[in-house]
Amino acid sequence: MGGIMARQQIQKPFSEQRHRLHVMRAQKITSEARFLLQDIFEAWQLKLALLDRPFVSALELSAMPPMAESLGIDAPHVQHISALEGSYDLIMAPLLLDVANDPAMALRRCWEHLQPDGVLLTACLGEDNLRDFVQAVMHTEMSQSQGAAARFHPRISLQDIAGLALHVGFTNPVVDKDQLSVRYQHLHSFAKDMRAHGLQNSLTDMRPLTKTLLNEINEKLLGPQSMALRFEILHLTAFRGS
C-alpha cells in the first residue's frame, strides 16, 4: 500500500509537453493578432518611463518574439525559465505565469536572478479574463450533457499575484490591470488569436469540443450581435530589495 501511495503524483493542471508544442507552433506564426502582447508592450513603455532609471544588465524571458529592443532596452532573450543564468537589474517576462504549474516557483526563480534593487516586469491574464464567456460556454455544455468539462485555464487574481510576489521575497509589488474587449464572428477566430500567443488549451485533462457544442457556441455566443469577449491583463511590477 505504501509503495502504491509513494508512486502516486499530484496531477499538474497544465501539460508541459502540450504547451511546448503550442509555443513551437506560435513561433512560426507571423501575425499582427498578438494584441495581448501589444497591450503589455504599451504598458511597459509607460512603466519604464515612470521608473526613470537606466538598466545595463536586463534580460527578456519569453517564448514569444522579443520586445526589449523596441522598448529601447538592450537585453538578451531566453525562452524558458530553466535557461536563467547570471543576475540582472531588470527581467521582463510577459505571460510568465499563464501556463505555470507552480507560479510561486516561477516568481522565485526570477527573484533569485535579480540584482539588489532589480525590477521584475511581468504580466498574465487575470481571474476575470473571459469570465462571462467561460460561464456561458459552461452553461451551454451543461444543457447538452450531464456536466461541463474544464475548457479554460485557471487564472490568478490581482490580490493573489501580489501576495505571491511578497511570499517569494519581492518588495513593494504593484499590480494593475487592463481590460480589452474583442468581438469574434466565430470560435475559429478566437482560437487563431490564442494560437498566435501560444495560449490555446494546455490543460492536462483536456476534452475536445463536440460538433454540437461547437455549433451552439458559434450560433448563440458569437457573431455580429454577440457579447464582446473581455480579456483581463494583470501587470506586476516587483522589486528585489537592496
Protein backbone atom coordinates (compact mmCIF):
# COMPACT_ATOMS: atom_id res chain seq x y z
CA MET A 1 0.00 0.00 0.00
CA GLY A 2 2.80 2.40 0.95
CA GLY A 3 4.62 1.71 -2.32
CA ILE A 4 1.49 2.49 -4.31
CA MET A 5 0.98 5.75 -2.46
CA ALA A 6 4.62 6.72 -2.94
CA ARG A 7 4.28 6.34 -6.68
CA GLN A 8 1.19 8.50 -6.87
CA GLN A 9 1.76 12.06 -8.01
CA ILE A 10 -0.47 15.08 -7.87
CA GLN A 11 -1.63 15.83 -11.39
CA LYS A 12 -0.35 19.14 -12.67
CA PRO A 13 -3.03 21.42 -14.12
CA PHE A 14 -1.04 22.05 -17.31
CA SER A 15 0.60 19.63 -19.73
CA GLU A 16 4.12 20.97 -20.26
CA GLN A 17 4.53 18.87 -23.40
CA ARG A 18 1.32 20.21 -24.91
CA HIS A 19 2.31 23.78 -24.06
CA ARG A 20 5.73 23.34 -25.68
CA LEU A 21 4.03 22.22 -28.88
CA HIS A 22 1.71 25.23 -28.75
CA VAL A 23 4.67 27.58 -28.31
CA MET A 24 6.60 25.99 -31.17
CA ARG A 25 3.61 26.50 -33.46
CA ALA A 26 3.09 30.06 -32.26
CA GLN A 27 6.70 30.95 -33.00
CA LYS A 28 6.15 30.05 -36.66
CA ILE A 29 3.22 32.44 -36.98
CA THR A 30 3.86 35.84 -38.50
CA SER A 31 0.91 37.63 -37.02
CA GLU A 32 -0.43 41.01 -36.02
CA ALA A 33 -3.01 39.23 -33.88
CA ARG A 34 -0.88 39.29 -30.72
CA PHE A 35 -2.95 42.10 -29.25
CA LEU A 36 -2.34 40.92 -25.68
CA LEU A 37 1.40 41.31 -26.14
CA GLN A 38 0.82 44.70 -27.75
CA ASP A 39 -1.06 45.82 -24.64
CA ILE A 40 1.78 44.54 -22.45
CA PHE A 41 4.32 46.37 -24.63
CA GLU A 42 2.43 49.67 -24.30
CA ALA A 43 2.05 49.22 -20.54
CA TRP A 44 5.77 48.55 -20.18
CA GLN A 45 6.63 51.65 -22.18
CA LEU A 46 4.82 53.68 -19.54
CA LYS A 47 6.24 51.74 -16.59
CA LEU A 48 9.83 52.08 -17.81
CA ALA A 49 9.30 55.81 -18.30
CA LEU A 50 7.97 56.12 -14.74
CA LEU A 51 10.86 54.09 -13.31
CA ASP A 52 13.17 56.61 -14.99
CA ARG A 53 16.41 54.71 -14.39
CA PRO A 54 19.00 53.13 -16.67
CA PHE A 55 19.14 49.35 -16.99
CA VAL A 56 22.53 47.99 -18.01
CA SER A 57 22.04 44.25 -17.44
CA ALA A 58 18.49 43.42 -18.49
CA LEU A 59 17.01 40.11 -19.63
CA GLU A 60 13.87 39.22 -21.55
CA LEU A 61 12.27 35.88 -20.67
CA SER A 62 9.62 34.98 -23.22
CA ALA A 63 8.71 32.28 -25.71
CA MET A 64 7.20 34.95 -27.96
CA PRO A 65 9.01 37.40 -30.28
CA PRO A 66 11.26 39.73 -28.22
CA MET A 67 10.13 43.27 -27.48
CA ALA A 68 13.09 44.63 -25.48
CA GLU A 69 14.76 46.33 -28.43
CA SER A 70 11.54 48.14 -29.33
CA LEU A 71 11.40 49.33 -25.71
CA GLY A 72 14.90 50.77 -26.01
CA ILE A 73 16.37 48.08 -23.75
CA ASP A 74 19.48 46.10 -24.67
CA ALA A 75 18.65 42.63 -23.36
CA PRO A 76 19.45 39.04 -24.29
CA HIS A 77 16.40 36.86 -24.89
CA VAL A 78 15.82 33.43 -23.34
CA GLN A 79 12.73 31.36 -23.96
CA HIS A 80 12.43 29.19 -20.87
CA ILE A 81 12.83 29.84 -17.18
CA SER A 82 15.22 26.88 -16.86
CA ALA A 83 17.69 28.85 -19.03
CA LEU A 84 18.05 31.66 -16.48
CA GLU A 85 21.68 32.26 -15.52
CA GLY A 86 23.51 35.22 -14.05
CA SER A 87 22.00 38.27 -12.38
CA TYR A 88 20.15 41.22 -13.86
CA ASP A 89 18.87 44.64 -12.93
CA LEU A 90 15.70 44.09 -14.99
CA ILE A 91 13.83 40.94 -16.01
CA MET A 92 10.95 41.33 -18.46
CA ALA A 93 8.76 38.22 -18.57
CA PRO A 94 5.44 38.59 -20.43
CA LEU A 95 2.92 35.77 -19.94
CA LEU A 96 5.27 34.10 -17.44
CA LEU A 97 2.51 32.78 -15.18
CA ASP A 98 -0.22 31.89 -17.68
CA VAL A 99 0.76 28.23 -18.04
CA ALA A 100 2.93 27.88 -14.92
CA ASN A 101 2.22 24.76 -12.87
CA ASP A 102 3.97 26.47 -9.94
CA PRO A 103 3.57 30.27 -10.18
CA ALA A 104 5.40 30.85 -6.89
CA MET A 105 8.41 28.91 -8.15
CA ALA A 106 8.46 30.92 -11.38
CA LEU A 107 8.44 34.19 -9.47
CA ARG A 108 11.07 32.91 -7.04
CA ARG A 109 13.38 31.96 -9.91
CA CYS A 110 13.15 35.49 -11.27
CA TRP A 111 13.82 36.91 -7.80
CA GLU A 112 16.93 34.74 -7.47
CA HIS A 113 18.35 36.14 -10.72
CA LEU A 114 17.75 39.80 -9.92
CA GLN A 115 20.44 42.05 -8.53
CA PRO A 116 19.70 44.10 -5.39
CA ASP A 117 17.15 46.78 -6.35
CA GLY A 118 16.43 44.82 -9.55
CA VAL A 119 13.00 45.02 -11.16
CA LEU A 120 10.68 42.32 -12.49
CA LEU A 121 8.08 43.27 -15.09
CA THR A 122 5.60 40.53 -15.87
CA ALA A 123 2.01 40.22 -17.00
CA CYS A 124 -0.60 37.48 -17.20
CA LEU A 125 -4.28 37.00 -17.87
CA GLY A 126 -6.29 37.52 -14.71
CA GLU A 127 -9.07 35.81 -12.81
CA ASP A 128 -11.80 37.77 -14.59
CA ASN A 129 -10.43 37.01 -18.05
CA LEU A 130 -13.30 35.93 -20.35
CA ARG A 131 -15.49 35.40 -17.27
CA ASP A 132 -18.88 35.88 -18.98
CA PHE A 133 -17.88 33.78 -21.98
CA VAL A 134 -16.49 30.98 -19.80
CA GLN A 135 -19.74 30.83 -17.82
CA ALA A 136 -21.85 30.89 -20.98
CA VAL A 137 -19.87 28.03 -22.53
CA MET A 138 -20.18 26.04 -19.31
CA HIS A 139 -23.96 26.56 -19.15
CA THR A 140 -24.31 25.67 -22.83
CA GLU A 141 -22.41 22.42 -22.36
CA MET A 142 -24.35 21.54 -19.21
CA SER A 143 -27.60 21.96 -21.12
CA GLN A 144 -26.41 19.31 -23.59
CA SER A 145 -24.92 16.77 -21.20
CA GLN A 146 -24.60 15.75 -17.57
CA GLY A 147 -21.77 18.16 -16.89
CA ALA A 148 -19.18 20.54 -18.29
CA ALA A 149 -15.52 19.83 -18.98
CA ALA A 150 -12.72 22.18 -17.97
CA ARG A 151 -12.07 24.13 -21.17
CA PHE A 152 -10.31 27.27 -19.93
CA HIS A 153 -7.14 27.77 -17.93
CA PRO A 154 -7.43 28.61 -14.24
CA ARG A 155 -6.34 32.20 -13.65
CA ILE A 156 -4.77 34.14 -10.81
CA SER A 157 -6.42 37.09 -9.07
CA LEU A 158 -4.92 40.55 -8.66
CA GLN A 159 -4.66 40.04 -4.90
CA ASP A 160 -3.05 36.61 -5.24
CA ILE A 161 -0.32 37.69 -7.64
CA ALA A 162 0.69 40.49 -5.27
CA GLY A 163 0.64 38.04 -2.35
CA LEU A 164 2.77 35.51 -4.23
CA ALA A 165 5.32 38.18 -5.09
CA LEU A 166 5.64 39.13 -1.42
CA HIS A 167 5.77 35.48 -0.38
CA VAL A 168 8.80 34.69 -2.56
CA GLY A 169 10.76 37.74 -1.44
CA PHE A 170 9.81 40.70 -3.62
CA THR A 171 9.21 44.09 -2.07
CA ASN A 172 6.66 46.75 -2.98
CA PRO A 173 4.80 44.75 -5.66
CA VAL A 174 2.47 46.89 -7.73
CA VAL A 175 -0.32 45.19 -9.67
CA ASP A 176 -2.69 46.92 -12.04
CA LYS A 177 -4.98 45.66 -14.74
CA ASP A 178 -6.13 46.39 -18.26
CA GLN A 179 -9.32 45.18 -19.89
CA LEU A 180 -9.68 44.66 -23.63
CA SER A 181 -12.93 43.82 -25.42
CA VAL A 182 -12.93 41.87 -28.68
CA ARG A 183 -15.94 40.67 -30.67
CA TYR A 184 -15.49 37.43 -32.61
CA GLN A 185 -17.60 36.15 -35.51
CA HIS A 186 -16.59 32.53 -34.99
CA LEU A 187 -14.78 30.39 -32.43
CA HIS A 188 -12.12 29.71 -35.07
CA SER A 189 -11.11 33.40 -34.98
CA PHE A 190 -10.79 33.33 -31.19
CA ALA A 191 -8.70 30.14 -31.36
CA LYS A 192 -6.48 31.71 -34.03
CA ASP A 193 -5.69 34.67 -31.77
CA MET A 194 -4.92 32.41 -28.82
CA ARG A 195 -2.75 30.23 -31.04
CA ALA A 196 -0.68 33.27 -32.06
CA HIS A 197 0.09 33.85 -28.36
CA GLY A 198 0.76 30.16 -27.59
CA LEU A 199 -2.19 30.29 -25.21
CA GLN A 200 -4.57 27.66 -26.53
CA ASN A 201 -5.76 24.90 -24.20
CA SER A 202 -2.82 23.25 -22.41
CA LEU A 203 -4.81 21.61 -19.62
CA THR A 204 -3.64 18.15 -18.64
CA ASP A 205 -7.22 16.89 -18.61
CA MET A 206 -8.43 18.24 -21.95
CA ARG A 207 -11.52 17.04 -23.77
CA PRO A 208 -12.25 18.01 -27.38
CA LEU A 209 -15.30 20.09 -28.22
CA THR A 210 -18.16 18.11 -29.68
CA LYS A 211 -19.53 19.30 -33.00
CA THR A 212 -22.88 20.01 -31.35
CA LEU A 213 -21.30 22.21 -28.69
CA LEU A 214 -19.11 23.99 -31.23
CA ASN A 215 -22.11 24.81 -33.42
CA GLU A 216 -24.13 26.14 -30.49
CA ILE A 217 -21.26 28.34 -29.28
CA ASN A 218 -20.91 29.83 -32.76
CA GLU A 219 -24.66 30.32 -33.21
CA LYS A 220 -25.61 31.63 -29.75
CA LEU A 221 -22.48 33.13 -28.15
CA LEU A 222 -20.52 34.56 -31.08
CA GLY A 223 -21.29 36.57 -34.20
CA PRO A 224 -22.14 40.20 -35.05
CA GLN A 225 -24.81 40.53 -32.34
CA SER A 226 -22.89 38.61 -29.69
CA MET A 227 -21.25 39.71 -26.49
CA ALA A 228 -17.76 41.13 -26.76
CA LEU A 229 -15.23 38.89 -25.04
CA ARG A 230 -13.45 40.74 -22.25
CA PHE A 231 -9.79 39.99 -21.65
CA GLU A 232 -8.20 40.99 -18.34
CA ILE A 233 -4.43 41.52 -18.21
CA LEU A 234 -2.68 41.84 -14.84
CA HIS A 235 0.60 43.77 -14.82
CA LEU A 236 3.06 43.11 -11.99
CA THR A 237 5.99 45.36 -11.18
CA ALA A 238 8.05 43.96 -8.31
CA PHE A 239 11.43 44.77 -6.78
CA ARG A 240 14.19 42.80 -5.16
CA GLY A 241 15.19 44.67 -2.05
CA SER A 242 18.59 46.25 -1.65
